[in-house]
Amino acid sequence: MLETCDNGRQMIEEDYPQADNFQDKIDQLMAEWDDLKGAVADRTSRLDDSEVAQQYLFDAAEAEAFMGEQELFLMSDERAKVTPSYPQKAHDIFIGSCFANPAS
């Protein structure tokens, strides 16, 4: 791009026909080039912000999944404390049946 502008300036110095249009075109090209560089910088900034947001959402989802798993472990521990185990239930039923029918 800079080489093209240099060629245009050289043609202006050599008095090519339409050389007066060359400088206007060079100025327009340089202005659009600056606009493009600014747009690229803005896009890069938005991409960086997006990356930070995506990482935050990923970390939040991971933390939520971890807390859900921990909650399940806590709930199963509480049930184990509240609900007697199967052997204990079987023993209670057997003892209950023995005292309910003392004649047998």
N, C-alpha and C. Protein backbone atom coordinates (compact mmCIF):
# COMPACT_ATOMS: atom_id res chain seq x y z
N MET A 1 0.83 -1.18 0.00
CA MET A 1 0.00 0.00 0.00
C MET A 1 0.88 1.25 0.00
N LEU A 2 1.87 1.25 0.85
CA LEU A 2 2.79 2.40 0.88
C LEU A 2 3.57 2.51 -0.43
N GLU A 3 3.90 1.37 -1.01
CA GLU A 3 4.62 1.37 -2.28
C GLU A 3 3.75 1.99 -3.38
N THR A 4 2.47 1.69 -3.35
CA THR A 4 1.53 2.27 -4.33
C THR A 4 1.47 3.79 -4.17
N CYS A 5 1.42 4.25 -2.92
CA CYS A 5 1.39 5.70 -2.67
C CYS A 5 2.69 6.35 -3.14
N ASP A 6 3.81 5.67 -2.89
CA ASP A 6 5.10 6.22 -3.35
C ASP A 6 5.16 6.30 -4.87
N ASN A 7 4.62 5.26 -5.53
CA ASN A 7 4.57 5.29 -7.01
C ASN A 7 3.70 6.46 -7.49
N GLY A 8 2.59 6.69 -6.81
CA GLY A 8 1.72 7.81 -7.17
C GLY A 8 2.41 9.14 -6.99
N ARG A 9 3.14 9.30 -5.91
CA ARG A 9 3.87 10.55 -5.66
C ARG A 9 4.97 10.77 -6.72
N GLN A 10 5.60 9.66 -7.09
CA GLN A 10 6.63 9.75 -8.13
C GLN A 10 6.01 10.20 -9.46
N MET A 11 4.80 9.67 -9.75
CA MET A 11 4.13 10.06 -10.98
C MET A 11 3.71 11.53 -10.94
N ILE A 12 3.37 12.02 -9.75
CA ILE A 12 3.04 13.45 -9.61
C ILE A 12 4.27 14.30 -9.91
N GLU A 13 5.43 13.90 -9.37
CA GLU A 13 6.67 14.64 -9.59
C GLU A 13 7.07 14.63 -11.07
N GLU A 14 6.71 13.56 -11.76
CA GLU A 14 7.07 13.45 -13.18
C GLU A 14 6.02 14.07 -14.09
N ASP A 15 5.05 14.74 -13.51
CA ASP A 15 3.99 15.44 -14.25
C ASP A 15 3.22 14.55 -15.22
N TYR A 16 2.80 13.40 -14.75
CA TYR A 16 1.94 12.54 -15.56
C TYR A 16 0.60 13.22 -15.76
N PRO A 17 -0.09 12.87 -16.84
CA PRO A 17 -1.44 13.41 -16.99
C PRO A 17 -2.31 12.92 -15.82
N GLN A 18 -3.20 13.72 -15.40
CA GLN A 18 -4.10 13.45 -14.26
C GLN A 18 -3.34 13.35 -12.94
N ALA A 19 -2.17 13.90 -12.87
CA ALA A 19 -1.38 13.86 -11.65
C ALA A 19 -2.07 14.58 -10.51
N ASP A 20 -2.89 15.58 -10.85
CA ASP A 20 -3.60 16.30 -9.79
C ASP A 20 -4.62 15.40 -9.08
N ASN A 21 -5.15 14.40 -9.77
CA ASN A 21 -6.08 13.45 -9.14
C ASN A 21 -5.35 12.44 -8.26
N PHE A 22 -4.08 12.20 -8.56
CA PHE A 22 -3.32 11.21 -7.80
C PHE A 22 -3.22 11.59 -6.32
N GLN A 23 -2.93 12.85 -6.04
CA GLN A 23 -2.77 13.27 -4.65
C GLN A 23 -4.09 13.12 -3.88
N ASP A 24 -5.20 13.45 -4.53
CA ASP A 24 -6.51 13.27 -3.87
C ASP A 24 -6.76 11.80 -3.56
N LYS A 25 -6.42 10.94 -4.52
CA LYS A 25 -6.61 9.50 -4.32
C LYS A 25 -5.68 8.95 -3.24
N ILE A 26 -4.46 9.45 -3.20
CA ILE A 26 -3.51 9.03 -2.16
C ILE A 26 -4.03 9.45 -0.79
N ASP A 27 -4.50 10.69 -0.69
CA ASP A 27 -5.05 11.17 0.59
C ASP A 27 -6.26 10.35 1.02
N GLN A 28 -7.11 10.03 0.05
CA GLN A 28 -8.30 9.22 0.35
C GLN A 28 -7.90 7.82 0.81
N LEU A 29 -6.92 7.23 0.12
CA LEU A 29 -6.43 5.90 0.50
C LEU A 29 -5.84 5.90 1.90
N MET A 30 -5.05 6.91 2.22
CA MET A 30 -4.44 6.99 3.56
C MET A 30 -5.51 7.18 4.64
N ALA A 31 -6.54 7.98 4.36
CA ALA A 31 -7.63 8.18 5.33
C ALA A 31 -8.38 6.88 5.56
N GLU A 32 -8.66 6.16 4.48
CA GLU A 32 -9.36 4.89 4.63
C GLU A 32 -8.50 3.85 5.32
N TRP A 33 -7.19 3.90 5.09
CA TRP A 33 -6.27 3.00 5.77
C TRP A 33 -6.28 3.26 7.29
N ASP A 34 -6.28 4.54 7.66
CA ASP A 34 -6.35 4.89 9.09
C ASP A 34 -7.67 4.43 9.70
N ASP A 35 -8.77 4.60 8.94
CA ASP A 35 -10.07 4.13 9.42
C ASP A 35 -10.06 2.62 9.63
N LEU A 36 -9.45 1.90 8.71
CA LEU A 36 -9.37 0.44 8.81
C LEU A 36 -8.55 0.02 10.02
N LYS A 37 -7.42 0.71 10.24
CA LYS A 37 -6.61 0.37 11.43
C LYS A 37 -7.39 0.63 12.71
N GLY A 38 -8.18 1.71 12.74
CA GLY A 38 -9.00 1.99 13.92
C GLY A 38 -10.08 0.94 14.12
N ALA A 39 -10.69 0.48 13.02
CA ALA A 39 -11.72 -0.56 13.11
C ALA A 39 -11.12 -1.88 13.60
N VAL A 40 -9.92 -2.18 13.16
CA VAL A 40 -9.24 -3.40 13.61
C VAL A 40 -8.94 -3.31 15.11
N ALA A 41 -8.49 -2.15 15.57
CA ALA A 41 -8.21 -1.97 16.99
C ALA A 41 -9.49 -2.11 17.82
N ASP A 42 -10.60 -1.54 17.34
CA ASP A 42 -11.88 -1.68 18.04
C ASP A 42 -12.32 -3.14 18.09
N ARG A 43 -12.18 -3.83 16.98
CA ARG A 43 -12.57 -5.24 16.90
C ARG A 43 -11.72 -6.08 17.85
N THR A 44 -10.44 -5.80 17.90
CA THR A 44 -9.55 -6.52 18.81
C THR A 44 -9.97 -6.30 20.26
N SER A 45 -10.31 -5.08 20.58
CA SER A 45 -10.77 -4.77 21.94
C SER A 45 -12.06 -5.52 22.27
N ARG A 46 -13.00 -5.54 21.33
CA ARG A 46 -14.26 -6.26 21.56
C ARG A 46 -14.02 -7.76 21.70
N LEU A 47 -13.09 -8.30 20.91
CA LEU A 47 -12.77 -9.72 21.02
C LEU A 47 -12.14 -10.04 22.38
N ASP A 48 -11.28 -9.17 22.85
CA ASP A 48 -10.68 -9.36 24.17
C ASP A 48 -11.76 -9.34 25.26
N ASP A 49 -12.68 -8.38 25.17
CA ASP A 49 -13.78 -8.31 26.13
C ASP A 49 -14.65 -9.56 26.06
N SER A 50 -14.89 -10.04 24.85
CA SER A 50 -15.69 -11.24 24.66
C SER A 50 -15.00 -12.46 25.27
N GLU A 51 -13.70 -12.53 25.12
CA GLU A 51 -12.94 -13.65 25.69
C GLU A 51 -13.05 -13.65 27.21
N VAL A 52 -12.95 -12.48 27.81
CA VAL A 52 -13.08 -12.37 29.27
C VAL A 52 -14.48 -12.81 29.70
N ALA A 53 -15.50 -12.36 28.98
CA ALA A 53 -16.88 -12.73 29.32
C ALA A 53 -17.10 -14.22 29.16
N GLN A 54 -16.59 -14.82 28.09
CA GLN A 54 -16.73 -16.26 27.88
C GLN A 54 -16.04 -17.04 28.98
N GLN A 55 -14.87 -16.61 29.38
CA GLN A 55 -14.16 -17.29 30.47
C GLN A 55 -14.94 -17.19 31.77
N TYR A 56 -15.53 -16.03 32.04
CA TYR A 56 -16.34 -15.86 33.24
C TYR A 56 -17.54 -16.81 33.21
N LEU A 57 -18.23 -16.88 32.08
CA LEU A 57 -19.40 -17.77 31.97
C LEU A 57 -18.99 -19.23 32.12
N PHE A 58 -17.87 -19.61 31.54
CA PHE A 58 -17.38 -20.98 31.68
C PHE A 58 -17.07 -21.30 33.13
N ASP A 59 -16.37 -20.38 33.80
CA ASP A 59 -16.03 -20.59 35.22
C ASP A 59 -17.28 -20.66 36.08
N ALA A 60 -18.27 -19.81 35.79
CA ALA A 60 -19.52 -19.82 36.56
C ALA A 60 -20.26 -21.13 36.36
N ALA A 61 -20.32 -21.62 35.13
CA ALA A 61 -20.99 -22.90 34.86
C ALA A 61 -20.27 -24.05 35.56
N GLU A 62 -18.95 -24.00 35.54
CA GLU A 62 -18.17 -25.03 36.21
C GLU A 62 -18.39 -25.00 37.73
N ALA A 63 -18.44 -23.81 38.30
CA ALA A 63 -18.69 -23.68 39.74
C ALA A 63 -20.10 -24.15 40.09
N GLU A 64 -21.06 -23.82 39.24
CA GLU A 64 -22.44 -24.24 39.48
C GLU A 64 -22.54 -25.76 39.44
N ALA A 65 -21.89 -26.40 38.49
CA ALA A 65 -21.91 -27.86 38.40
C ALA A 65 -21.25 -28.47 39.63
N PHE A 66 -20.14 -27.90 40.08
CA PHE A 66 -19.45 -28.41 41.27
C PHE A 66 -20.35 -28.30 42.50
N MET A 67 -20.99 -27.13 42.65
CA MET A 67 -21.88 -26.95 43.81
C MET A 67 -23.07 -27.90 43.75
N GLY A 68 -23.59 -28.16 42.55
CA GLY A 68 -24.68 -29.12 42.41
C GLY A 68 -24.26 -30.51 42.83
N GLU A 69 -23.05 -30.92 42.46
CA GLU A 69 -22.54 -32.23 42.88
C GLU A 69 -22.37 -32.29 44.39
N GLN A 70 -21.84 -31.21 44.97
CA GLN A 70 -21.66 -31.20 46.42
C GLN A 70 -23.00 -31.26 47.15
N GLU A 71 -24.01 -30.59 46.59
CA GLU A 71 -25.34 -30.62 47.18
C GLU A 71 -25.90 -32.03 47.17
N LEU A 72 -25.67 -32.76 46.08
CA LEU A 72 -26.14 -34.14 46.00
C LEU A 72 -25.45 -35.00 47.05
N PHE A 73 -24.17 -34.80 47.25
CA PHE A 73 -23.45 -35.56 48.28
C PHE A 73 -24.01 -35.26 49.66
N LEU A 74 -24.27 -33.99 49.93
CA LEU A 74 -24.82 -33.61 51.23
C LEU A 74 -26.21 -34.21 51.43
N MET A 75 -27.02 -34.17 50.38
CA MET A 75 -28.36 -34.73 50.49
C MET A 75 -28.31 -36.23 50.74
N SER A 76 -27.41 -36.95 50.09
CA SER A 76 -27.32 -38.40 50.29
C SER A 76 -26.80 -38.71 51.69
N ASP A 77 -25.91 -37.88 52.24
CA ASP A 77 -25.43 -38.08 53.61
C ASP A 77 -26.56 -37.86 54.60
N GLU A 78 -27.40 -36.85 54.39
CA GLU A 78 -28.52 -36.60 55.29
C GLU A 78 -29.53 -37.74 55.24
N ARG A 79 -29.80 -38.26 54.06
CA ARG A 79 -30.73 -39.38 53.94
C ARG A 79 -30.18 -40.61 54.65
N ALA A 80 -28.87 -40.80 54.55
CA ALA A 80 -28.26 -41.95 55.22
C ALA A 80 -28.42 -41.84 56.72
N LYS A 81 -28.37 -40.63 57.27
CA LYS A 81 -28.52 -40.44 58.70
C LYS A 81 -29.98 -40.60 59.14
N VAL A 82 -30.90 -40.12 58.31
CA VAL A 82 -32.32 -40.15 58.65
C VAL A 82 -32.93 -41.51 58.37
N THR A 83 -32.65 -42.11 57.25
CA THR A 83 -33.24 -43.37 56.84
C THR A 83 -32.38 -44.52 57.33
N PRO A 84 -32.99 -45.46 58.08
CA PRO A 84 -32.19 -46.60 58.53
C PRO A 84 -31.76 -47.45 57.33
N SER A 85 -30.70 -48.15 57.52
CA SER A 85 -30.20 -48.99 56.45
C SER A 85 -31.10 -50.21 56.29
N TYR A 86 -30.99 -50.91 55.19
CA TYR A 86 -31.83 -52.07 54.92
C TYR A 86 -31.66 -53.16 55.97
N PRO A 87 -30.44 -53.51 56.37
CA PRO A 87 -30.32 -54.56 57.42
C PRO A 87 -31.01 -54.14 58.72
N GLN A 88 -30.94 -52.87 59.05
CA GLN A 88 -31.62 -52.41 60.27
C GLN A 88 -33.13 -52.56 60.12
N LYS A 89 -33.68 -52.22 58.97
CA LYS A 89 -35.12 -52.38 58.73
C LYS A 89 -35.52 -53.84 58.81
N ALA A 90 -34.74 -54.72 58.20
CA ALA A 90 -35.05 -56.16 58.22
C ALA A 90 -35.05 -56.68 59.66
N HIS A 91 -34.09 -56.25 60.44
CA HIS A 91 -34.01 -56.67 61.83
C HIS A 91 -35.24 -56.20 62.60
N ASP A 92 -35.63 -54.94 62.39
CA ASP A 92 -36.81 -54.41 63.08
C ASP A 92 -38.07 -55.16 62.70
N ILE A 93 -38.21 -55.52 61.44
CA ILE A 93 -39.39 -56.27 60.99
C ILE A 93 -39.38 -57.67 61.62
N PHE A 94 -38.23 -58.30 61.66
CA PHE A 94 -38.13 -59.62 62.25
C PHE A 94 -38.47 -59.60 63.74
N ILE A 95 -37.91 -58.67 64.45
CA ILE A 95 -38.19 -58.54 65.89
C ILE A 95 -39.67 -58.24 66.10
N GLY A 96 -40.19 -57.34 65.28
CA GLY A 96 -41.61 -57.01 65.40
C GLY A 96 -42.49 -58.21 65.14
N SER A 97 -42.14 -59.02 64.18
CA SER A 97 -42.95 -60.21 63.88
C SER A 97 -42.84 -61.25 64.98
N CYS A 98 -41.69 -61.34 65.63
CA CYS A 98 -41.50 -62.31 66.73
C CYS A 98 -42.39 -61.93 67.92
N PHE A 99 -42.42 -60.66 68.24
CA PHE A 99 -43.23 -60.25 69.40
C PHE A 99 -44.72 -60.16 69.07
N ALA A 100 -45.03 -60.01 67.81
CA ALA A 100 -46.44 -59.95 67.43
C ALA A 100 -47.08 -61.34 67.51
N ASN A 101 -46.32 -62.42 67.28
CA ASN A 101 -46.83 -63.79 67.34
C ASN A 101 -46.03 -64.60 68.35
N PRO A 102 -46.25 -64.38 69.65
CA PRO A 102 -45.43 -65.08 70.64
C PRO A 102 -45.70 -66.58 70.67
N ALA A 103 -46.81 -67.03 70.14
CA ALA A 103 -47.15 -68.44 70.21
C ALA A 103 -46.37 -69.25 69.19
N SER A 104 -45.83 -68.66 68.18
CA SER A 104 -45.17 -69.48 67.16
C SER A 104 -43.78 -69.84 67.49
